[in-house]
Amino acid sequence: MALEITDANFEEQLNAGKPLVLDFWAEWCGPCRMVGPIIDELAAAYEGRVTVGKVNVDESDEVVSRFGIRNIPTVLFFKDGQAADKLVGVNTKDTFIEKIEALLD
């Protein structure tokens, strides 16, 4: 299960020393409901190596504003505390795996 990321715990997770994958979503977003189960599967598959989290755009204004999130679902990929890649919209599990594997190189 993906970790819930909020304005309060974002910095801690960003600086935890592991790659970070953040899914920006909302309950009312249909495409987000398609991506959500994939994100949860990836959280389980990469547990211990990558932190996979979800940011509810309706509850975490600070993080959403910081990265200029305008469309959801948006998934940001962080390496060494810096945004390294981004996917917007519905994507396949393989596409997410490819981006995560690039963080681990």
Protein backbone atom coordinates (compact mmCIF):
# COMPACT_ATOMS: atom_id res chain seq x y z
CA MET A 1 0.00 0.00 0.00
CA ALA A 2 1.34 3.42 -0.91
CA LEU A 3 2.25 5.80 1.89
CA GLU A 4 0.03 8.84 2.44
CA ILE A 5 2.17 11.92 1.81
CA THR A 6 1.00 15.27 3.19
CA ASP A 7 2.39 18.77 3.56
CA ALA A 8 3.48 17.70 7.06
CA ASN A 9 5.57 14.63 6.11
CA PHE A 10 6.72 15.45 2.56
CA GLU A 11 10.17 16.86 3.46
CA GLU A 12 10.91 13.91 5.73
CA GLN A 13 10.12 11.42 2.95
CA LEU A 14 11.96 13.46 0.31
CA ASN A 15 15.13 13.47 2.41
CA ALA A 16 14.89 9.88 3.68
CA GLY A 17 17.72 8.72 1.41
CA LYS A 18 15.60 6.56 -0.91
CA PRO A 19 14.10 7.35 -4.30
CA LEU A 20 10.57 8.73 -3.93
CA VAL A 21 7.62 8.22 -6.26
CA LEU A 22 4.60 10.48 -5.66
CA ASP A 23 1.17 9.99 -7.18
CA PHE A 24 -0.85 13.23 -7.11
CA TRP A 25 -4.53 12.25 -7.09
CA ALA A 26 -8.05 13.07 -5.87
CA GLU A 27 -11.04 10.90 -4.96
CA TRP A 28 -13.23 12.58 -7.61
CA CYS A 29 -10.71 11.88 -10.41
CA GLY A 30 -11.69 8.91 -12.61
CA PRO A 31 -8.27 8.41 -14.23
CA CYS A 32 -6.69 8.54 -10.75
CA ARG A 33 -8.77 5.51 -9.78
CA MET A 34 -7.23 3.66 -12.73
CA VAL A 35 -3.66 4.53 -11.69
CA GLY A 36 -4.18 3.99 -7.94
CA PRO A 37 -4.07 0.18 -7.92
CA ILE A 38 -0.89 0.21 -10.04
CA ILE A 39 0.74 2.62 -7.56
CA ASP A 40 -0.21 0.30 -4.67
CA GLU A 41 1.27 -2.71 -6.51
CA LEU A 42 4.50 -0.80 -7.11
CA ALA A 43 4.66 0.22 -3.44
CA ALA A 44 4.60 -3.46 -2.48
CA ALA A 45 7.03 -4.54 -5.21
CA TYR A 46 9.64 -1.90 -4.35
CA GLU A 47 9.16 -1.88 -0.57
CA GLY A 48 12.44 -1.10 1.19
CA ARG A 49 14.11 0.23 -1.97
CA VAL A 50 11.79 3.03 -3.08
CA THR A 51 9.22 5.04 -1.15
CA VAL A 52 5.96 5.12 -3.10
CA GLY A 53 3.41 7.62 -1.87
CA LYS A 54 0.15 9.32 -2.74
CA VAL A 55 -0.60 13.03 -2.36
CA ASN A 56 -4.28 13.98 -2.20
CA VAL A 57 -4.38 17.29 -4.12
CA ASP A 58 -7.43 18.43 -2.14
CA GLU A 59 -5.58 18.09 1.19
CA SER A 60 -1.94 19.06 0.51
CA ASP A 61 -1.90 22.53 -1.08
CA GLU A 62 1.74 23.21 -0.20
CA VAL A 63 3.22 20.20 -2.04
CA VAL A 64 0.82 20.63 -4.97
CA SER A 65 1.79 24.30 -5.36
CA ARG A 66 5.50 23.62 -4.94
CA PHE A 67 5.53 21.35 -8.00
CA GLY A 68 2.91 23.22 -10.03
CA ILE A 69 0.58 20.25 -10.29
CA ARG A 70 -2.27 21.25 -12.63
CA ASN A 71 -3.40 17.92 -14.05
CA ILE A 72 -4.03 14.66 -12.25
CA PRO A 73 -3.03 11.97 -12.09
CA THR A 74 0.55 13.23 -12.13
CA VAL A 75 3.36 11.02 -10.86
CA LEU A 76 6.68 12.62 -9.93
CA PHE A 77 9.89 10.62 -9.53
CA PHE A 78 12.57 11.93 -7.14
CA LYS A 79 16.20 10.89 -6.85
CA ASP A 80 18.62 12.40 -4.32
CA GLY A 81 15.93 14.84 -3.18
CA GLN A 82 15.38 16.28 -6.68
CA ALA A 83 12.55 15.76 -9.16
CA ALA A 84 14.04 13.52 -11.85
CA ASP A 85 11.05 12.59 -14.00
CA LYS A 86 7.30 13.02 -14.41
CA LEU A 87 4.33 11.21 -15.94
CA VAL A 88 0.94 12.87 -16.47
CA GLY A 89 -2.26 10.93 -17.11
CA VAL A 90 -2.93 7.21 -17.18
CA ASN A 91 0.13 5.08 -17.96
CA THR A 92 0.89 1.37 -17.98
CA LYS A 93 2.52 -0.47 -15.11
CA ASP A 94 5.50 -1.16 -17.37
CA THR A 95 5.98 2.57 -17.96
CA PHE A 96 6.03 3.21 -14.20
CA ILE A 97 8.48 0.31 -13.67
CA GLU A 98 10.80 1.74 -16.33
CA LYS A 99 10.85 5.15 -14.58
CA ILE A 100 11.41 3.57 -11.14
CA GLU A 101 14.23 1.35 -12.39
CA ALA A 102 15.94 4.46 -13.79
CA LEU A 103 15.91 5.93 -10.25
CA LEU A 104 17.71 2.85 -8.95
CA ASP A 105 20.62 3.05 -11.44
